[in-house]
Each structure stands twice: as C-alpha cells, then as structure tokens.
Amino acid sequence: MRFRPISNGILVRRVDAPDATSGGIIIPDTAQEKPLEAEVIAVGPGTRGKDGAPIPPEVTDGDHVLLGKWAGTEVTIDNEDYLIVSETDVLGILTSGKAASRAA
C-alpha cells in the first residue's frame, strides 16, 4: 500500500534507540522511552501562504529529524509502525560529519 500525506503532513519511521547505555547497562523495553529521532518516509506538498502562494516543506524523503516528545499520530501500514506528524512538530533536521560542522 502507498501512503501520501496531505498538506504539511509528514510520514516518519522512528529510529530504534540503543538497548544499552554507554556503560553497558541493558535497558528493558518497558523502561525505554520512545525515540525522538525518526526517518522521513513521505512528505506532503506543503501549505499555502496568506497570498495563496505555495510554501514547500523544508524536509525531504530520507531526512533524519528530531521530533517533539508527544508529536504525531501512530499508524500501522503493511504491518509496519509509522508516525504521521505535522511539519511544525519537527524540531530540526539531523546531519552528520563535515556537513554538520559547516552548518553550525
């Protein structure tokens, strides 16, 4: 099944958090918080400004983003768990390596 968000909706998949701390302590599933990092799977077309001009979304498919703790609506599509969030629920786009140091 294919899913395409409308307006400023974004379909994301949570990135699994590590099962152990840096010191090697294993954290049971019941004590883990939901991860705040997610991978963007699909993006809606964006919104319209007051003048009617289209405002495209800032995120694209494949981006890794940080979400608010209680953001979005959980859905299951083809037996996989996803989250549908509004673009305003995205706190930022994660980058790595040299690109991150240049952007800062």
Protein backbone atom coordinates (compact mmCIF):
# COMPACT_ATOMS: atom_id res chain seq x y z
CA MET A 1 0.00 0.00 0.00
CA ARG A 2 1.25 3.51 -0.77
CA PHE A 3 0.63 6.50 1.50
CA ARG A 4 0.94 10.15 0.54
CA PRO A 5 0.44 12.77 3.29
CA ILE A 6 -1.66 15.83 2.53
CA SER A 7 -0.89 19.50 3.24
CA ASN A 8 2.06 19.79 5.66
CA GLY A 9 1.85 16.18 6.88
CA ILE A 10 4.97 14.01 7.11
CA LEU A 11 5.13 10.21 7.40
CA VAL A 12 8.11 9.10 9.53
CA ARG A 13 9.52 5.87 10.95
CA ARG A 14 11.08 6.05 14.39
CA VAL A 15 14.77 5.16 14.57
CA ASP A 16 15.34 2.50 17.21
CA ALA A 17 17.12 3.61 20.36
CA PRO A 18 20.07 1.55 21.61
CA ASP A 19 19.21 -1.26 24.05
CA ALA A 20 22.13 -0.49 26.35
CA THR A 21 23.76 2.58 27.90
CA SER A 22 27.32 3.63 27.08
CA GLY A 23 28.38 1.87 30.29
CA GLY A 24 26.89 -1.43 29.09
CA ILE A 25 23.74 -1.48 31.23
CA ILE A 26 20.90 -3.15 29.30
CA ILE A 27 17.65 -1.19 29.38
CA PRO A 28 14.47 -3.33 29.30
CA ASP A 29 11.78 -2.49 26.73
CA THR A 30 9.34 -1.44 29.45
CA ALA A 31 11.73 1.24 30.74
CA GLN A 32 12.70 2.71 27.36
CA GLU A 33 11.22 5.95 26.12
CA LYS A 34 10.06 6.29 22.55
CA PRO A 35 12.90 7.58 20.38
CA LEU A 36 12.78 11.21 19.35
CA GLU A 37 14.72 10.58 16.15
CA ALA A 38 12.89 9.49 13.00
CA GLU A 39 13.49 8.95 9.29
CA VAL A 40 11.21 10.80 6.85
CA ILE A 41 9.40 8.32 4.57
CA ALA A 42 6.97 10.61 2.71
CA VAL A 43 6.23 14.35 2.68
CA GLY A 44 3.06 16.21 1.76
CA PRO A 45 3.04 19.07 -0.79
CA GLY A 46 3.23 21.81 1.87
CA THR A 47 0.93 24.67 2.77
CA ARG A 48 -0.15 27.96 1.21
CA GLY A 49 0.74 31.42 2.42
CA LYS A 50 -1.75 34.25 3.03
CA ASP A 51 -1.34 35.35 -0.58
CA GLY A 52 -2.09 31.81 -1.83
CA ALA A 53 1.48 31.11 -2.92
CA PRO A 54 2.66 27.54 -2.16
CA ILE A 55 5.13 27.09 0.70
CA PRO A 56 7.07 23.84 0.13
CA PRO A 57 8.10 21.72 3.14
CA GLU A 58 11.65 22.04 4.49
CA VAL A 59 12.16 18.29 4.91
CA THR A 60 12.55 15.70 2.16
CA ASP A 61 12.30 11.93 1.94
CA GLY A 62 15.23 10.25 3.67
CA ASP A 63 16.00 13.10 6.10
CA HIS A 64 16.62 12.19 9.75
CA VAL A 65 14.71 14.53 12.05
CA LEU A 66 14.13 15.18 15.74
CA LEU A 67 10.52 15.20 16.89
CA GLY A 68 8.75 16.60 19.91
CA LYS A 69 8.15 14.05 22.67
CA TRP A 70 4.38 13.75 22.18
CA ALA A 71 4.27 14.57 18.46
CA GLY A 72 2.14 12.87 15.85
CA THR A 73 -0.32 10.05 15.42
CA GLU A 74 0.82 6.43 15.36
CA VAL A 75 -0.39 4.35 12.39
CA THR A 76 0.32 0.86 11.06
CA ILE A 77 0.69 0.42 7.29
CA ASP A 78 1.51 -3.02 5.86
CA ASN A 79 2.38 -4.31 9.37
CA GLU A 80 4.96 -1.54 9.95
CA ASP A 81 4.59 1.18 12.57
CA TYR A 82 4.83 4.78 11.40
CA LEU A 83 4.06 8.21 12.77
CA ILE A 84 2.21 10.98 10.95
CA VAL A 85 3.38 14.40 12.14
CA SER A 86 2.85 17.98 11.09
CA GLU A 87 5.90 19.88 9.84
CA THR A 88 5.57 22.10 12.92
CA ASP A 89 6.20 19.00 15.11
CA VAL A 90 9.67 18.60 13.58
CA LEU A 91 12.26 20.27 15.83
CA GLY A 92 15.13 20.01 13.35
CA ILE A 93 16.93 18.01 10.70
CA LEU A 94 19.88 15.88 11.84
CA THR A 95 23.08 15.96 9.81
CA SER A 96 26.41 14.27 10.40
CA GLY A 97 30.09 14.68 9.61
CA LYS A 98 31.57 17.68 7.84
CA ALA A 99 28.20 18.99 6.69
CA ALA A 100 27.11 19.42 10.34
CA SER A 101 30.21 21.39 11.29
CA ARG A 102 29.82 23.74 8.30
CA ALA A 103 26.13 24.32 9.05
CA ALA A 104 26.82 25.32 12.67
